[in-house]
PDB file of N, CA and C in Angstrom:
ATOM      1  N   MET A   1      85.107  76.286 112.123  1.00  0.00           N
ATOM      2  CA  MET A   1      85.469  77.130 113.250  1.00  0.00           C
ATOM      3  C   MET A   1      86.525  78.162 112.844  1.00  0.00           C
ATOM      4  N   SER A   2      87.535  77.715 112.094  1.00  0.00           N
ATOM      5  CA  SER A   2      88.591  78.627 111.667  1.00  0.00           C
ATOM      6  C   SER A   2      88.062  79.724 110.754  1.00  0.00           C
ATOM      7  N   THR A   3      87.091  79.382 109.920  1.00  0.00           N
ATOM      8  CA  THR A   3      86.494  80.378 109.019  1.00  0.00           C
ATOM      9  C   THR A   3      85.769  81.447 109.826  1.00  0.00           C
ATOM     10  N   GLU A   4      85.037  81.016 110.841  1.00  0.00           N
ATOM     11  CA  GLU A   4      84.318  81.967 111.699  1.00  0.00           C
ATOM     12  C   GLU A   4      85.306  82.872 112.431  1.00  0.00           C
ATOM     13  N   ILE A   5      86.360  82.291 112.984  1.00  0.00           N
ATOM     14  CA  ILE A   5      87.399  83.067 113.683  1.00  0.00           C
ATOM     15  C   ILE A   5      88.007  84.085 112.726  1.00  0.00           C
ATOM     16  N   PHE A   6      88.330  83.640 111.520  1.00  0.00           N
ATOM     17  CA  PHE A   6      88.943  84.521 110.529  1.00  0.00           C
ATOM     18  C   PHE A   6      88.019  85.696 110.209  1.00  0.00           C
ATOM     19  N   GLN A   7      86.743  85.422 109.944  1.00  0.00           N
ATOM     20  CA  GLN A   7      85.801  86.481 109.579  1.00  0.00           C
ATOM     21  C   GLN A   7      85.572  87.467 110.722  1.00  0.00           C
ATOM     22  N   LEU A   8      85.415  86.961 111.933  1.00  0.00           N
ATOM     23  CA  LEU A   8      85.214  87.848 113.087  1.00  0.00           C
ATOM     24  C   LEU A   8      86.459  88.682 113.361  1.00  0.00           C
ATOM     25  N   THR A   9      87.618  88.069 113.229  1.00  0.00           N
ATOM     26  CA  THR A   9      88.875  88.793 113.461  1.00  0.00           C
ATOM     27  C   THR A   9      89.064  89.885 112.412  1.00  0.00           C
ATOM     28  N   GLU A  10      88.747  89.564 111.156  1.00  0.00           N
ATOM     29  CA  GLU A  10      88.825  90.573 110.083  1.00  0.00           C
ATOM     30  C   GLU A  10      87.890  91.748 110.376  1.00  0.00           C
ATOM     31  N   LYS A  11      86.692  91.439 110.860  1.00  0.00           N
ATOM     32  CA  LYS A  11      85.715  92.494 111.178  1.00  0.00           C
ATOM     33  C   LYS A  11      86.251  93.381 112.301  1.00  0.00           C
ATOM     34  N   LEU A  12      86.855  92.769 113.313  1.00  0.00           N
ATOM     35  CA  LEU A  12      87.424  93.552 114.414  1.00  0.00           C
ATOM     36  C   LEU A  12      88.611  94.391 113.941  1.00  0.00           C
ATOM     37  N   LEU A  13      89.371  93.882 113.005  1.00  0.00           N
ATOM     38  CA  LEU A  13      90.465  94.683 112.433  1.00  0.00           C
ATOM     39  C   LEU A  13      89.908  95.918 111.717  1.00  0.00           C
ATOM     40  N   GLN A  14      88.812  95.733 111.003  1.00  0.00           N
ATOM     41  CA  GLN A  14      88.167  96.871 110.328  1.00  0.00           C
ATOM     42  C   GLN A  14      87.691  97.898 111.360  1.00  0.00           C
ATOM     43  N   TYR A  15      87.086  97.413 112.426  1.00  0.00           N
ATOM     44  CA  TYR A  15      86.649  98.322 113.494  1.00  0.00           C
ATOM     45  C   TYR A  15      87.851  99.041 114.102  1.00  0.00           C
ATOM     46  N   ASN A  16      88.942  98.321 114.297  1.00  0.00           N
ATOM     47  CA  ASN A  16      90.132  98.927 114.883  1.00  0.00           C
ATOM     48  C   ASN A  16      90.651 100.064 114.009  1.00  0.00           C
ATOM     49  N   HIS A  17      90.577  99.902 112.695  1.00  0.00           N
ATOM     50  CA  HIS A  17      90.971 100.984 111.791  1.00  0.00           C
ATOM     51  C   HIS A  17      90.008 102.159 111.898  1.00  0.00           C
ATOM     52  N   LEU A  18      88.728 101.858 112.068  1.00  0.00           N
ATOM     53  CA  LEU A  18      87.739 102.931 112.256  1.00  0.00           C
ATOM     54  C   LEU A  18      87.999 103.696 113.556  1.00  0.00           C
ATOM     55  N   PHE A  19      88.366 102.959 114.618  1.00  0.00           N
ATOM     56  CA  PHE A  19      88.660 103.624 115.896  1.00  0.00           C
ATOM     57  C   PHE A  19      89.722 104.697 115.692  1.00  0.00           C
ATOM     58  N   LEU A  20      90.793 104.330 115.005  1.00  0.00           N
ATOM     59  CA  LEU A  20      91.893 105.266 114.768  1.00  0.00           C
ATOM     60  C   LEU A  20      91.425 106.437 113.906  1.00  0.00           C
ATOM     61  N   LYS A  21      90.643 106.136 112.882  1.00  0.00           N
ATOM     62  CA  LYS A  21      90.142 107.179 111.992  1.00  0.00           C
ATOM     63  C   LYS A  21      89.290 108.195 112.768  1.00  0.00           C
ATOM     64  N   TYR A  22      88.345 107.704 113.561  1.00  0.00           N
ATOM     65  CA  TYR A  22      87.481 108.603 114.340  1.00  0.00           C
ATOM     66  C   TYR A  22      88.290 109.410 115.344  1.00  0.00           C
ATOM     67  N   TYR A  23      89.249 108.755 115.976  1.00  0.00           N
ATOM     68  CA  TYR A  23      90.067 109.442 116.969  1.00  0.00           C
ATOM     69  C   TYR A  23      90.885 110.556 116.320  1.00  0.00           C
ATOM     70  N   GLN A  24      91.526 110.249 115.194  1.00  0.00           N
ATOM     71  CA  GLN A  24      92.342 111.258 114.512  1.00  0.00           C
ATOM     72  C   GLN A  24      91.476 112.404 113.991  1.00  0.00           C
ATOM     73  N   GLU A  25      90.307 112.087 113.439  1.00  0.00           N
ATOM     74  CA  GLU A  25      89.394 113.145 112.969  1.00  0.00           C
ATOM     75  C   GLU A  25      89.011 114.061 114.115  1.00  0.00           C
ATOM     76  N   GLY A  26      88.686 113.474 115.253  1.00  0.00           N
ATOM     77  CA  GLY A  26      88.294 114.254 116.427  1.00  0.00           C
ATOM     78  C   GLY A  26      89.413 115.153 116.912  1.00  0.00           C
ATOM     79  N   ARG A  27      90.623 114.642 116.914  1.00  0.00           N
ATOM     80  CA  ARG A  27      91.766 115.446 117.373  1.00  0.00           C
ATOM     81  C   ARG A  27      92.099 116.565 116.396  1.00  0.00           C
ATOM     82  N   GLU A  28      91.979 116.293 115.101  1.00  0.00           N
ATOM     83  CA  GLU A  28      92.328 117.294 114.094  1.00  0.00           C
ATOM     84  C   GLU A  28      91.263 118.372 113.936  1.00  0.00           C
ATOM     85  N   THR A  29      90.009 117.963 113.964  1.00  0.00           N
ATOM     86  CA  THR A  29      88.921 118.908 113.679  1.00  0.00           C
ATOM     87  C   THR A  29      88.171 119.383 114.914  1.00  0.00           C
ATOM     88  N   GLY A  30      88.339 118.678 116.030  1.00  0.00           N
ATOM     89  CA  GLY A  30      87.583 119.030 117.227  1.00  0.00           C
ATOM     90  C   GLY A  30      86.129 118.584 117.126  1.00  0.00           C
ATOM     91  N   LYS A  31      85.837 117.768 116.123  1.00  0.00           N
ATOM     92  CA  LYS A  31      84.478 117.294 115.889  1.00  0.00           C
ATOM     93  C   LYS A  31      83.997 116.470 117.076  1.00  0.00           C
ATOM     94  N   SER A  32      82.754 116.731 117.480  1.00  0.00           N
ATOM     95  CA  SER A  32      82.172 115.929 118.556  1.00  0.00           C
ATOM     96  C   SER A  32      80.968 115.178 118.004  1.00  0.00           C
ATOM     97  N   TYR A  33      80.693 114.041 118.603  1.00  0.00           N
ATOM     98  CA  TYR A  33      79.624 113.171 118.134  1.00  0.00           C
ATOM     99  C   TYR A  33      78.533 113.075 119.192  1.00  0.00           C
ATOM    100  N   ASP A  34      77.305 112.926 118.725  1.00  0.00           N
ATOM    101  CA  ASP A  34      76.179 112.762 119.637  1.00  0.00           C
ATOM    102  C   ASP A  34      76.232 111.360 120.244  1.00  0.00           C
ATOM    103  N   PHE A  35      76.156 111.288 121.565  1.00  0.00           N
ATOM    104  CA  PHE A  35      76.308 110.007 122.245  1.00  0.00           C
ATOM    105  C   PHE A  35      75.226 109.004 121.845  1.00  0.00           C
ATOM    106  N   HIS A  36      73.969 109.427 121.880  1.00  0.00           N
ATOM    107  CA  HIS A  36      72.868 108.488 121.627  1.00  0.00           C
ATOM    108  C   HIS A  36      72.650 108.186 120.149  1.00  0.00           C
ATOM    109  N   VAL A  37      73.076 109.077 119.289  1.00  0.00           N
ATOM    110  CA  VAL A  37      72.857 108.892 117.850  1.00  0.00           C
ATOM    111  C   VAL A  37      74.035 108.154 117.195  1.00  0.00           C
ATOM    112  N   VAL A  38      75.255 108.470 117.603  1.00  0.00           N
ATOM    113  CA  VAL A  38      76.436 107.901 116.937  1.00  0.00           C
ATOM    114  C   VAL A  38      77.213 106.927 117.831  1.00  0.00           C
ATOM    115  N   ILE A  39      77.619 107.388 118.996  1.00  0.00           N
ATOM    116  CA  ILE A  39      78.549 106.623 119.832  1.00  0.00           C
ATOM    117  C   ILE A  39      77.941 105.327 120.365  1.00  0.00           C
ATOM    118  N   LYS A  40      76.785 105.431 121.003  1.00  0.00           N
ATOM    119  CA  LYS A  40      76.166 104.245 121.615  1.00  0.00           C
ATOM    120  C   LYS A  40      75.815 103.170 120.584  1.00  0.00           C
ATOM    121  N   PRO A  41      75.165 103.513 119.461  1.00  0.00           N
ATOM    122  CA  PRO A  41      74.886 102.464 118.469  1.00  0.00           C
ATOM    123  C   PRO A  41      76.156 101.804 117.909  1.00  0.00           C
ATOM    124  N   PHE A  42      77.187 102.613 117.678  1.00  0.00           N
ATOM    125  CA  PHE A  42      78.452 102.072 117.171  1.00  0.00           C
ATOM    126  C   PHE A  42      79.081 101.140 118.207  1.00  0.00           C
ATOM    127  N   ALA A  43      79.141 101.580 119.460  1.00  0.00           N
ATOM    128  CA  ALA A  43      79.738 100.765 120.523  1.00  0.00           C
ATOM    129  C   ALA A  43      78.951  99.458 120.706  1.00  0.00           C
ATOM    130  N   ASN A  44      77.634  99.517 120.597  1.00  0.00           N
ATOM    131  CA  ASN A  44      76.811  98.305 120.718  1.00  0.00           C
ATOM    132  C   ASN A  44      77.081  97.339 119.565  1.00  0.00           C
ATOM    133  N   GLU A  45      77.222  97.879 118.376  1.00  0.00           N
ATOM    134  CA  GLU A  45      77.522  97.063 117.186  1.00  0.00           C
ATOM    135  C   GLU A  45      78.872  96.358 117.361  1.00  0.00           C
ATOM    136  N   VAL A  46      79.863  97.104 117.810  1.00  0.00           N
ATOM    137  CA  VAL A  46      81.190  96.540 118.042  1.00  0.00           C
ATOM    138  C   VAL A  46      81.123  95.476 119.142  1.00  0.00           C
ATOM    139  N   LYS A  47      80.365  95.752 120.188  1.00  0.00           N
ATOM    140  CA  LYS A  47      80.258  94.814 121.312  1.00  0.00           C
ATOM    141  C   LYS A  47      79.680  93.467 120.875  1.00  0.00           C
ATOM    142  N   LEU A  48      78.690  93.493 119.996  1.00  0.00           N
ATOM    143  CA  LEU A  48      78.106  92.239 119.508  1.00  0.00           C
ATOM    144  C   LEU A  48      79.157  91.368 118.819  1.00  0.00           C
ATOM    145  N   ILE A  49      79.912  91.970 117.921  1.00  0.00           N
ATOM    146  CA  ILE A  49      80.959  91.240 117.198  1.00  0.00           C
ATOM    147  C   ILE A  49      82.067  90.816 118.163  1.00  0.00           C
ATOM    148  N   ASN A  50      82.442  91.709 119.052  1.00  0.00           N
ATOM    149  CA  ASN A  50      83.501  91.443 120.016  1.00  0.00           C
ATOM    150  C   ASN A  50      83.129  90.264 120.924  1.00  0.00           C
ATOM    151  N   ASP A  51      81.901  90.238 121.421  1.00  0.00           N
ATOM    152  CA  ASP A  51      81.456  89.148 122.290  1.00  0.00           C
ATOM    153  C   ASP A  51      81.426  87.819 121.537  1.00  0.00           C
ATOM    154  N   GLU A  52      80.967  87.869 120.305  1.00  0.00           N
ATOM    155  CA  GLU A  52      80.926  86.662 119.471  1.00  0.00           C
ATOM    156  C   GLU A  52      82.355  86.158 119.216  1.00  0.00           C
ATOM    157  N   TRP A  53      83.255  87.087 118.907  1.00  0.00           N
ATOM    158  CA  TRP A  53      84.659  86.750 118.669  1.00  0.00           C
ATOM    159  C   TRP A  53      85.289  86.133 119.921  1.00  0.00           C
ATOM    160  N   LYS A  54      85.064  86.765 121.061  1.00  0.00           N
ATOM    161  CA  LYS A  54      85.655  86.295 122.318  1.00  0.00           C
ATOM    162  C   LYS A  54      85.198  84.872 122.634  1.00  0.00           C
ATOM    163  N   SER A  55      83.928  84.605 122.472  1.00  0.00           N
ATOM    164  CA  SER A  55      83.381  83.276 122.721  1.00  0.00           C
ATOM    165  C   SER A  55      83.977  82.237 121.756  1.00  0.00           C
ATOM    166  N   ALA A  56      84.019  82.590 120.474  1.00  0.00           N
ATOM    167  CA  ALA A  56      84.571  81.680 119.470  1.00  0.00           C
ATOM    168  C   ALA A  56      86.055  81.421 119.725  1.00  0.00           C
ATOM    169  N   MET A  57      86.783  82.462 120.101  1.00  0.00           N
ATOM    170  CA  MET A  57      88.219  82.312 120.368  1.00  0.00           C
ATOM    171  C   MET A  57      88.465  81.408 121.566  1.00  0.00           C
ATOM    172  N   ARG A  58      87.657  81.541 122.601  1.00  0.00           N
ATOM    173  CA  ARG A  58      87.813  80.702 123.792  1.00  0.00           C
ATOM    174  C   ARG A  58      87.621  79.226 123.425  1.00  0.00           C
ATOM    175  N   LYS A  59      86.594  78.942 122.634  1.00  0.00           N
ATOM    176  CA  LYS A  59      86.338  77.564 122.198  1.00  0.00           C
ATOM    177  C   LYS A  59      87.493  77.059 121.338  1.00  0.00           C
ATOM    178  N   TRP A  60      87.918  77.895 120.409  1.00  0.00           N
ATOM    179  CA  TRP A  60      88.972  77.512 119.474  1.00  0.00           C
ATOM    180  C   TRP A  60      90.285  77.213 120.202  1.00  0.00           C
ATOM    181  N   LEU A  61      90.650  78.066 121.166  1.00  0.00           N
ATOM    182  CA  LEU A  61      91.911  77.872 121.885  1.00  0.00           C
ATOM    183  C   LEU A  61      91.881  76.633 122.771  1.00  0.00           C
ATOM    184  N   THR A  62      90.718  76.282 123.287  1.00  0.00           N
ATOM    185  CA  THR A  62      90.651  75.095 124.139  1.00  0.00           C
ATOM    186  C   THR A  62      90.638  73.806 123.328  1.00  0.00           C
ATOM    187  N   THR A  63      90.280  73.893 122.052  1.00  0.00           N
ATOM    188  CA  THR A  63      90.241  72.682 121.229  1.00  0.00           C
ATOM    189  C   THR A  63      91.473  72.528 120.330  1.00  0.00           C
ATOM    190  N   THR A  64      92.292  73.553 120.241  1.00  0.00           N
ATOM    191  CA  THR A  64      93.509  73.486 119.430  1.00  0.00           C
ATOM    192  C   THR A  64      94.703  73.912 120.271  1.00  0.00           C
ATOM    193  N   ASN A  65      95.882  73.643 119.779  1.00  0.00           N
ATOM    194  CA  ASN A  65      97.090  73.971 120.532  1.00  0.00           C
ATOM    195  C   ASN A  65      97.862  75.093 119.831  1.00  0.00           C
ATOM    196  N   HIS A  66      97.951  76.232 120.505  1.00  0.00           N
ATOM    197  CA  HIS A  66      98.712  77.373 119.980  1.00  0.00           C
ATOM    198  C   HIS A  66      99.597  77.885 121.101  1.00  0.00           C
ATOM    199  N   LYS A  67     100.897  77.787 120.896  1.00  0.00           N
ATOM    200  CA  LYS A  67     101.791  78.172 121.989  1.00  0.00           C
ATOM    201  C   LYS A  67     101.960  79.684 122.128  1.00  0.00           C
ATOM    202  N   HIS A  68     101.527  80.466 121.127  1.00  0.00           N
ATOM    203  CA  HIS A  68     101.705  81.922 121.209  1.00  0.00           C
ATOM    204  C   HIS A  68     100.401  82.672 121.475  1.00  0.00           C
ATOM    205  N   LEU A  69      99.299  81.954 121.607  1.00  0.00           N
ATOM    206  CA  LEU A  69      98.008  82.582 121.889  1.00  0.00           C
ATOM    207  C   LEU A  69      97.474  82.053 123.215  1.00  0.00           C
ATOM    208  N   HIS A  70      97.013  82.966 124.079  1.00  0.00           N
ATOM    209  CA  HIS A  70      96.559  82.570 125.409  1.00  0.00           C
ATOM    210  C   HIS A  70      95.218  83.234 125.730  1.00  0.00           C
ATOM    211  N   LEU A  71      94.477  82.595 126.632  1.00  0.00           N
ATOM    212  CA  LEU A  71      93.160  83.110 127.018  1.00  0.00           C
ATOM    213  C   LEU A  71      93.235  84.535 127.575  1.00  0.00           C
ATOM    214  N   LYS A  72      94.260  84.813 128.355  1.00  0.00           N
ATOM    215  CA  LYS A  72      94.403  86.157 128.935  1.00  0.00           C
ATOM    216  C   LYS A  72      94.512  87.224 127.837  1.00  0.00           C
ATOM    217  N   GLN A  73      95.193  86.891 126.748  1.00  0.00           N
ATOM    218  CA  GLN A  73      95.326  87.839 125.634  1.00  0.00           C
ATOM    219  C   GLN A  73      93.961  88.120 124.995  1.00  0.00           C
ATOM    220  N   ILE A  74      93.132  87.107 124.934  1.00  0.00           N
ATOM    221  CA  ILE A  74      91.792  87.289 124.366  1.00  0.00           C
ATOM    222  C   ILE A  74      90.989  88.248 125.237  1.00  0.00           C
ATOM    223  N   ASP A  75      91.044  88.033 126.545  1.00  0.00           N
ATOM    224  CA  ASP A  75      90.313  88.908 127.470  1.00  0.00           C
ATOM    225  C   ASP A  75      90.813  90.346 127.382  1.00  0.00           C
ATOM    226  N   THR A  76      92.124  90.510 127.374  1.00  0.00           N
ATOM    227  CA  THR A  76      92.712  91.848 127.308  1.00  0.00           C
ATOM    228  C   THR A  76      92.351  92.543 125.999  1.00  0.00           C
ATOM    229  N   THR A  77      92.471  91.834 124.897  1.00  0.00           N
ATOM    230  CA  THR A  77      92.151  92.403 123.587  1.00  0.00           C
ATOM    231  C   THR A  77      90.682  92.795 123.522  1.00  0.00           C
ATOM    232  N   SER A  78      89.830  91.945 124.040  1.00  0.00           N
ATOM    233  CA  SER A  78      88.393  92.230 124.049  1.00  0.00           C
ATOM    234  C   SER A  78      88.083  93.497 124.859  1.00  0.00           C
ATOM    235  N   GLU A  79      88.731  93.627 126.009  1.00  0.00           N
ATOM    236  CA  GLU A  79      88.542  94.833 126.839  1.00  0.00           C
ATOM    237  C   GLU A  79      89.024  96.078 126.103  1.00  0.00           C
ATOM    238  N   HIS A  80      90.181  95.986 125.464  1.00  0.00           N
ATOM    239  CA  HIS A  80      90.708  97.122 124.699  1.00  0.00           C
ATOM    240  C   HIS A  80      89.734  97.535 123.596  1.00  0.00           C
ATOM    241  N   ILE A  81      89.181  96.547 122.900  1.00  0.00           N
ATOM    242  CA  ILE A  81      88.257  96.844 121.804  1.00  0.00           C
ATOM    243  C   ILE A  81      87.028  97.587 122.323  1.00  0.00           C
ATOM    244  N   GLU A  82      86.489  97.125 123.443  1.00  0.00           N
ATOM    245  CA  GLU A  82      85.316  97.809 124.021  1.00  0.00           C
ATOM    246  C   GLU A  82      85.662  99.248 124.404  1.00  0.00           C
ATOM    247  N   GLN A  83      86.808  99.442 125.019  1.00  0.00           N
ATOM    248  CA  GLN A  83      87.218 100.790 125.423  1.00  0.00           C
ATOM    249  C   GLN A  83      87.461 101.684 124.211  1.00  0.00           C
ATOM    250  N   LEU A  84      88.158 101.154 123.220  1.00  0.00           N
ATOM    251  CA  LEU A  84      88.481 101.940 122.029  1.00  0.00           C
ATOM    252  C   LEU A  84      87.226 102.345 121.259  1.00  0.00           C
ATOM    253  N   SER A  85      86.212 101.477 121.261  1.00  0.00           N
ATOM    254  CA  SER A  85      84.987 101.783 120.518  1.00  0.00           C
ATOM    255  C   SER A  85      84.302 103.036 121.051  1.00  0.00           C
ATOM    256  N   ILE A  86      84.558 103.369 122.296  1.00  0.00           N
ATOM    257  CA  ILE A  86      83.980 104.583 122.891  1.00  0.00           C
ATOM    258  C   ILE A  86      85.012 105.710 122.900  1.00  0.00           C
ATOM    259  N   GLN A  87      86.234 105.405 123.329  1.00  0.00           N
ATOM    260  CA  GLN A  87      87.277 106.433 123.429  1.00  0.00           C
ATOM    261  C   GLN A  87      87.605 107.082 122.092  1.00  0.00           C
ATOM    262  N   SER A  88      87.389 106.354 121.010  1.00  0.00           N
ATOM    263  CA  SER A  88      87.736 106.891 119.689  1.00  0.00           C
ATOM    264  C   SER A  88      86.943 108.154 119.352  1.00  0.00           C
ATOM    265  N   PHE A  89      85.816 108.348 120.019  1.00  0.00           N
ATOM    266  CA  PHE A  89      84.974 109.519 119.759  1.00  0.00           C
ATOM    267  C   PHE A  89      85.303 110.702 120.677  1.00  0.00           C
ATOM    268  N   PHE A  90      86.249 110.499 121.590  1.00  0.00           N
ATOM    269  CA  PHE A  90      86.599 111.555 122.534  1.00  0.00           C
ATOM    270  C   PHE A  90      88.066 111.945 122.363  1.00  0.00           C
ATOM    271  N   PRO A  91      88.315 113.037 121.647  1.00  0.00           N
ATOM    272  CA  PRO A  91      89.699 113.434 121.360  1.00  0.00           C
ATOM    273  C   PRO A  91      90.510 113.804 122.600  1.00  0.00           C
ATOM    274  N   ALA A  92      89.843 114.012 123.734  1.00  0.00           N
ATOM    275  CA  ALA A  92      90.571 114.342 124.954  1.00  0.00           C
ATOM    276  C   ALA A  92      91.229 113.108 125.577  1.00  0.00           C
ATOM    277  N   THR A  93      90.907 111.935 125.056  1.00  0.00           N
ATOM    278  CA  THR A  93      91.528 110.694 125.524  1.00  0.00           C
ATOM    279  C   THR A  93      93.040 110.788 125.331  1.00  0.00           C
ATOM    280  N   SER A  94      93.790 110.287 126.289  1.00  0.00           N
ATOM    281  CA  SER A  94      95.253 110.310 126.198  1.00  0.00           C
ATOM    282  C   SER A  94      95.712 109.677 124.886  1.00  0.00           C
ATOM    283  N   LYS A  95      96.471 110.438 124.129  1.00  0.00           N
ATOM    284  CA  LYS A  95      96.927 109.968 122.813  1.00  0.00           C
ATOM    285  C   LYS A  95      97.800 108.728 122.938  1.00  0.00           C
ATOM    286  N   SER A  96      98.770 108.740 123.840  1.00  0.00           N
ATOM    287  CA  SER A  96      99.674 107.589 123.970  1.00  0.00           C
ATOM    288  C   SER A  96      98.918 106.353 124.438  1.00  0.00           C
ATOM    289  N   ARG A  97      98.012 106.518 125.359  1.00  0.00           N
ATOM    290  CA  ARG A  97      97.232 105.379 125.851  1.00  0.00           C
ATOM    291  C   ARG A  97      96.356 104.805 124.735  1.00  0.00           C
ATOM    292  N   PHE A  98      95.701 105.699 124.010  1.00  0.00           N
ATOM    293  CA  PHE A  98      94.841 105.265 122.916  1.00  0.00           C
ATOM    294  C   PHE A  98      95.645 104.510 121.861  1.00  0.00           C
ATOM    295  N   LEU A  99      96.762 105.100 121.437  1.00  0.00           N
ATOM    296  CA  LEU A  99      97.582 104.482 120.396  1.00  0.00           C
ATOM    297  C   LEU A  99      98.202 103.162 120.851  1.00  0.00           C
ATOM    298  N   ASN A 100      98.602 103.076 122.110  1.00  0.00           N
ATOM    299  CA  ASN A 100      99.148 101.818 122.624  1.00  0.00           C
ATOM    300  C   ASN A 100      98.089 100.718 122.608  1.00  0.00           C
ATOM    301  N   SER A 101      96.888 101.042 123.037  1.00  0.00           N
ATOM    302  CA  SER A 101      95.796 100.062 123.013  1.00  0.00           C
ATOM    303  C   SER A 101      95.481  99.654 121.580  1.00  0.00           C
ATOM    304  N   HIS A 102      95.450 100.643 120.700  1.00  0.00           N
ATOM    305  CA  HIS A 102      95.154 100.387 119.289  1.00  0.00           C
ATOM    306  C   HIS A 102      96.195  99.436 118.680  1.00  0.00           C
ATOM    307  N   ARG A 103      97.475  99.706 118.947  1.00  0.00           N
ATOM    308  CA  ARG A 103      98.550  98.861 118.412  1.00  0.00           C
ATOM    309  C   ARG A 103      98.503  97.450 119.004  1.00  0.00           C
ATOM    310  N   THR A 104      98.184  97.345 120.276  1.00  0.00           N
ATOM    311  CA  THR A 104      98.078  96.042 120.929  1.00  0.00           C
ATOM    312  C   THR A 104      96.997  95.200 120.269  1.00  0.00           C
ATOM    313  N   VAL A 105      95.844  95.810 120.046  1.00  0.00           N
ATOM    314  CA  VAL A 105      94.727  95.119 119.398  1.00  0.00           C
ATOM    315  C   VAL A 105      95.129  94.701 117.988  1.00  0.00           C
ATOM    316  N   GLU A 106      95.706  95.624 117.250  1.00  0.00           N
ATOM    317  CA  GLU A 106      96.122  95.350 115.871  1.00  0.00           C
ATOM    318  C   GLU A 106      97.096  94.163 115.814  1.00  0.00           C
ATOM    319  N   TYR A 107      98.085  94.189 116.661  1.00  0.00           N
ATOM    320  CA  TYR A 107      99.098  93.138 116.673  1.00  0.00           C
ATOM    321  C   TYR A 107      98.472  91.776 116.973  1.00  0.00           C
ATOM    322  N   PHE A 108      97.661  91.713 118.019  1.00  0.00           N
ATOM    323  CA  PHE A 108      97.095  90.422 118.413  1.00  0.00           C
ATOM    324  C   PHE A 108      96.131  89.884 117.356  1.00  0.00           C
ATOM    325  N   LEU A 109      95.321  90.748 116.789  1.00  0.00           N
ATOM    326  CA  LEU A 109      94.387  90.295 115.751  1.00  0.00           C
ATOM    327  C   LEU A 109      95.139  89.782 114.521  1.00  0.00           C
ATOM    328  N   LEU A 110      96.217  90.442 114.154  1.00  0.00           N
ATOM    329  CA  LEU A 110      97.028  89.967 113.024  1.00  0.00           C
ATOM    330  C   LEU A 110      97.704  88.635 113.332  1.00  0.00           C
ATOM    331  N   GLU A 111      98.089  88.436 114.588  1.00  0.00           N
ATOM    332  CA  GLU A 111      98.674  87.154 114.993  1.00  0.00           C
ATOM    333  C   GLU A 111      97.641  86.036 114.856  1.00  0.00           C
ATOM    334  N   ILE A 112      96.407  86.326 115.195  1.00  0.00           N
ATOM    335  CA  ILE A 112      95.339  85.329 115.059  1.00  0.00           C
ATOM    336  C   ILE A 112      95.133  84.981 113.588  1.00  0.00           C
ATOM    337  N   ILE A 113      95.126  85.987 112.738  1.00  0.00           N
ATOM    338  CA  ILE A 113      94.974  85.754 111.287  1.00  0.00           C
ATOM    339  C   ILE A 113      96.094  84.818 110.804  1.00  0.00           C
ATOM    340  N   LYS A 114      97.333  85.068 111.261  1.00  0.00           N
ATOM    341  CA  LYS A 114      98.459  84.224 110.866  1.00  0.00           C
ATOM    342  C   LYS A 114      98.241  82.774 111.307  1.00  0.00           C
ATOM    343  N   GLU A 115      97.782  82.606 112.564  1.00  0.00           N
ATOM    344  CA  GLU A 115      97.557  81.262 113.107  1.00  0.00           C
ATOM    345  C   GLU A 115      96.459  80.532 112.352  1.00  0.00           C
ATOM    346  N   VAL A 116      95.392  81.237 112.027  1.00  0.00           N
ATOM    347  CA  VAL A 116      94.276  80.618 111.309  1.00  0.00           C
ATOM    348  C   VAL A 116      94.706  80.194 109.913  1.00  0.00           C
ATOM    349  N   ASN A 117      95.572  80.968 109.292  1.00  0.00           N
ATOM    350  CA  ASN A 117      96.012  80.668 107.929  1.00  0.00           C
ATOM    351  C   ASN A 117      97.070  79.570 107.854  1.00  0.00           C
ATOM    352  N   LYS A 118      97.558  79.111 108.988  1.00  0.00           N
ATOM    353  CA  LYS A 118      98.580  78.043 108.984  1.00  0.00           C
ATOM    354  C   LYS A 118      97.969  76.729 108.519  1.00  0.00           C
TER     355      LYS A 118
END
């Protein structure tokens, strides 16, 4: 179970870095992406991993004891990931809101990695 959590969390961290990369590229270059060719397939790919991660995390948290990880954080992080997977392609998205969500996701995913490695 811990191996699965670790691998899914690592994958979401990679996606989170991509979100920032796409967002910064869009803001710097004004580049726009085709919704049906780029955005939707990417968001669907992220959603599959995100849903799998969320389910695995819920099981893991109910079977183990972690005083710094809570179910609400999993739900919030999952929602942020879904939003970021789409917002990253739209440079008009509020920069502070985007970056705050990005940092929140990054922090929580790194905390999970720390817990799994204990």
